Amino acid sequence: MEECLIDIHKILNDNNIEFFLVYGTLLGQHRNNDFISHDTDIDLGIFSHNFSEDIKNCILTSGKFVSWYRRIGGNTDSLEYTFHHINETKVDIFFLYPVDENIKDDYYYCASWFGICDTKECGYCKWGNHIRGLKQITFKDKLFNVPANTEEFLIECYGDDWKIPKKFDYYGGLAGGYKNLIN
């Protein structure tokens, strides 16, 4: 996991792409200053207004990620990328969209699919979080952006007891582990 994180960090930074730690990666960093032992991927966020095909291109041409990747959703409302590192670790890049584009505030959502998400009217789940700016922290000897309101972000995702380790996968999260479903 660390090798993959360091490689994606270098690729995105070298290409001036602003990103930040989110979800399980942020939880592990903030709670344990490490990865969650049973986690199998890296979770990164990028604000939707920073979307560019260059993101995909620079990752796939880096030599650090295999040529196969998954793209789900649309650029304007629900995009998620998954890349596979040469060491087989996955990186999920979630694009975060304003919940209400007519209101300039700090409430964003990202999309996910499968399970209950397939039953949603729009065809995907929307997971809401407040992001009140970004701040830099040191993790694995590198500077990373994280939401400035990290604890609020984690409470929104995992509940008031986010500090207590729990073991669940994506489908377990859909069944009640995740707390920030807004649709």
Protein backbone atom coordinates (compact mmCIF):
# COMPACT_ATOMS: atom_id res chain seq x y z
CA MET A 1 0.00 0.00 0.00
CA GLU A 2 2.76 2.44 0.90
CA GLU A 3 4.61 1.93 -2.39
CA CYS A 4 1.39 2.56 -4.32
CA LEU A 5 0.54 5.67 -2.28
CA ILE A 6 4.02 7.13 -2.76
CA ASP A 7 3.89 6.46 -6.51
CA ILE A 8 0.44 8.05 -7.02
CA HIS A 9 1.54 10.98 -4.81
CA LYS A 10 4.54 11.62 -7.07
CA ILE A 11 2.56 11.25 -10.30
CA LEU A 12 -0.23 13.62 -9.26
CA ASN A 13 2.11 16.17 -7.67
CA ASP A 14 4.48 16.14 -10.65
CA ASN A 15 1.47 16.93 -12.86
CA ASN A 16 0.09 19.67 -10.55
CA ILE A 17 -3.12 17.76 -9.84
CA GLU A 18 -4.63 18.70 -6.49
CA PHE A 19 -5.85 15.66 -4.57
CA PHE A 20 -6.52 14.71 -0.98
CA LEU A 21 -6.89 11.64 1.22
CA VAL A 22 -10.46 10.47 1.81
CA TYR A 23 -12.48 7.60 3.30
CA GLY A 24 -10.53 4.54 4.50
CA THR A 25 -7.13 6.03 3.71
CA LEU A 26 -7.98 9.21 5.62
CA LEU A 27 -9.45 7.20 8.51
CA GLY A 28 -6.29 5.09 8.84
CA GLN A 29 -4.01 8.11 8.55
CA HIS A 30 -5.90 10.16 11.12
CA ARG A 31 -6.75 7.42 13.60
CA ASN A 32 -3.57 5.30 13.44
CA ASN A 33 -1.09 7.25 11.30
CA ASP A 34 -1.05 4.11 9.17
CA PHE A 35 -3.20 2.15 6.76
CA ILE A 36 -6.11 0.17 8.13
CA SER A 37 -4.82 -3.40 8.35
CA HIS A 38 -7.70 -4.99 6.41
CA ASP A 39 -8.05 -2.21 3.82
CA THR A 40 -7.14 -3.19 0.28
CA ASP A 41 -7.05 0.11 -1.60
CA ILE A 42 -6.04 3.75 -1.51
CA ASP A 43 -8.86 6.34 -1.51
CA LEU A 44 -8.19 9.78 -2.98
CA GLY A 45 -10.49 12.71 -3.69
CA ILE A 46 -10.32 15.34 -6.42
CA PHE A 47 -12.75 18.24 -6.69
CA SER A 48 -14.85 17.86 -9.84
CA HIS A 49 -13.89 21.32 -11.12
CA ASN A 50 -10.32 19.97 -11.40
CA PHE A 51 -11.35 17.14 -13.73
CA SER A 52 -9.17 16.64 -16.79
CA GLU A 53 -8.40 13.64 -19.00
CA ASP A 54 -4.77 14.43 -18.11
CA ILE A 55 -5.37 12.77 -14.73
CA LYS A 56 -6.03 9.39 -16.32
CA ASN A 57 -3.33 9.86 -18.94
CA CYS A 58 -0.50 10.75 -16.57
CA ILE A 59 -1.31 7.81 -14.30
CA LEU A 60 -1.52 5.28 -17.13
CA THR A 61 1.67 6.48 -18.83
CA SER A 62 3.71 6.57 -15.62
CA GLY A 63 4.86 2.96 -15.81
CA LYS A 64 3.66 2.49 -12.21
CA PHE A 65 0.12 1.41 -13.04
CA VAL A 66 -1.05 -1.32 -15.40
CA SER A 67 -2.90 -0.23 -18.51
CA TRP A 68 -6.24 -1.55 -17.27
CA TYR A 69 -8.36 0.83 -15.24
CA ARG A 70 -12.05 1.23 -14.42
CA ARG A 71 -14.05 4.33 -15.14
CA ILE A 72 -17.58 4.53 -13.77
CA GLY A 73 -19.99 7.43 -14.09
CA GLY A 74 -19.98 10.69 -15.96
CA ASN A 75 -17.56 13.61 -15.81
CA THR A 76 -20.22 16.10 -14.76
CA ASP A 77 -21.92 14.24 -11.91
CA SER A 78 -20.59 10.85 -10.85
CA LEU A 79 -17.07 9.96 -12.00
CA GLU A 80 -14.87 7.45 -10.22
CA TYR A 81 -11.60 5.97 -11.45
CA THR A 82 -9.91 2.80 -10.21
CA PHE A 83 -6.29 2.13 -11.14
CA HIS A 84 -4.19 -0.96 -10.44
CA HIS A 85 -0.62 -0.43 -9.32
CA ILE A 86 2.07 -2.75 -10.66
CA ASN A 87 2.15 -4.35 -7.17
CA GLU A 88 -1.63 -5.05 -7.51
CA THR A 89 -2.78 -2.42 -4.98
CA LYS A 90 -5.83 -0.49 -6.16
CA VAL A 91 -6.30 3.28 -6.09
CA ASP A 92 -9.83 4.69 -6.16
CA ILE A 93 -10.08 8.33 -7.20
CA PHE A 94 -13.41 9.86 -6.26
CA PHE A 95 -14.46 13.11 -7.87
CA LEU A 96 -16.36 15.31 -5.44
CA TYR A 97 -19.23 17.42 -6.77
CA PRO A 98 -21.09 20.27 -5.09
CA VAL A 99 -24.38 18.99 -3.67
CA ASP A 100 -26.04 22.15 -4.96
CA GLU A 101 -24.19 23.89 -7.79
CA ASN A 102 -26.32 27.02 -7.30
CA ILE A 103 -25.05 27.52 -3.77
CA LYS A 104 -21.39 28.21 -3.08
CA ASP A 105 -20.82 26.17 0.04
CA ASP A 106 -18.62 23.37 1.31
CA TYR A 107 -20.96 20.38 0.92
CA TYR A 108 -19.88 17.81 -1.67
CA TYR A 109 -20.81 14.31 -2.75
CA CYS A 110 -19.08 11.47 -4.49
CA ALA A 111 -20.78 8.60 -6.28
CA SER A 112 -20.61 4.84 -5.87
CA TRP A 113 -22.31 1.91 -7.56
CA PHE A 114 -23.46 -1.67 -7.04
CA GLY A 115 -25.66 -3.16 -4.33
CA ILE A 116 -28.32 -0.75 -3.08
CA CYS A 117 -26.79 1.99 -5.23
CA ASP A 118 -28.15 0.33 -8.36
CA THR A 119 -31.69 0.93 -7.06
CA LYS A 120 -31.28 4.69 -6.74
CA GLU A 121 -33.24 6.88 -9.18
CA CYS A 122 -30.03 8.33 -10.64
CA GLY A 123 -28.39 4.88 -10.75
CA TYR A 124 -25.78 5.48 -8.05
CA CYS A 125 -25.39 6.42 -4.39
CA LYS A 126 -24.42 9.92 -3.37
CA TRP A 127 -22.24 10.19 -0.26
CA GLY A 128 -22.17 13.68 1.26
CA ASN A 129 -19.38 15.37 3.16
CA HIS A 130 -18.49 18.86 4.23
CA ILE A 131 -15.01 19.85 3.09
CA ARG A 132 -14.08 23.15 4.68
CA GLY A 133 -10.85 23.63 2.78
CA LEU A 134 -7.74 21.48 2.72
CA LYS A 135 -4.72 21.35 4.99
CA GLN A 136 -1.40 19.54 4.68
CA ILE A 137 -0.27 16.73 6.94
CA THR A 138 2.74 14.42 6.86
CA PHE A 139 1.98 10.77 6.19
CA LYS A 140 4.53 8.15 5.19
CA ASP A 141 7.16 10.92 5.09
CA LYS A 142 5.27 12.89 2.40
CA LEU A 143 3.01 15.92 2.51
CA PHE A 144 -0.62 15.14 1.72
CA ASN A 145 -3.74 17.25 1.59
CA VAL A 146 -6.65 16.25 3.80
CA PRO A 147 -9.94 17.99 4.58
CA ALA A 148 -9.25 20.80 7.04
CA ASN A 149 -12.22 19.49 9.03
CA THR A 150 -10.95 15.90 9.10
CA GLU A 151 -12.80 14.79 12.23
CA GLU A 152 -16.12 16.23 11.01
CA PHE A 153 -15.55 14.46 7.68
CA LEU A 154 -14.91 11.14 9.45
CA ILE A 155 -17.96 11.53 11.71
CA GLU A 156 -20.11 12.15 8.64
CA CYS A 157 -18.70 9.00 6.99
CA TYR A 158 -18.53 6.57 9.89
CA GLY A 159 -20.52 8.03 12.79
CA ASP A 160 -19.58 9.43 16.18
CA ASP A 161 -17.71 6.23 17.04
CA TRP A 162 -15.29 6.50 14.08
CA LYS A 163 -12.34 6.10 16.47
CA ILE A 164 -13.40 2.52 17.27
CA PRO A 165 -11.98 0.12 14.66
CA LYS A 166 -14.60 -1.88 12.80
CA LYS A 167 -14.08 -4.38 10.02
CA PHE A 168 -16.40 -4.22 7.03
CA ASP A 169 -16.06 -4.18 3.27
CA TYR A 170 -17.91 -2.00 0.74
CA TYR A 171 -21.12 -4.03 0.96
CA GLY A 172 -20.97 -4.01 4.76
CA GLY A 173 -20.62 -0.24 4.54
CA LEU A 174 -23.72 -0.08 2.36
CA ALA A 175 -25.56 -2.18 4.95
CA GLY A 176 -24.94 0.35 7.70
CA GLY A 177 -21.22 1.02 8.14
CA TYR A 178 -21.36 4.24 6.10
CA LYS A 179 -23.40 7.08 7.56
CA ASN A 180 -23.35 9.79 4.88
CA LEU A 181 -25.76 8.56 2.20
CA ILE A 182 -27.78 11.55 0.93
CA ASN A 183 -30.02 9.94 -1.70
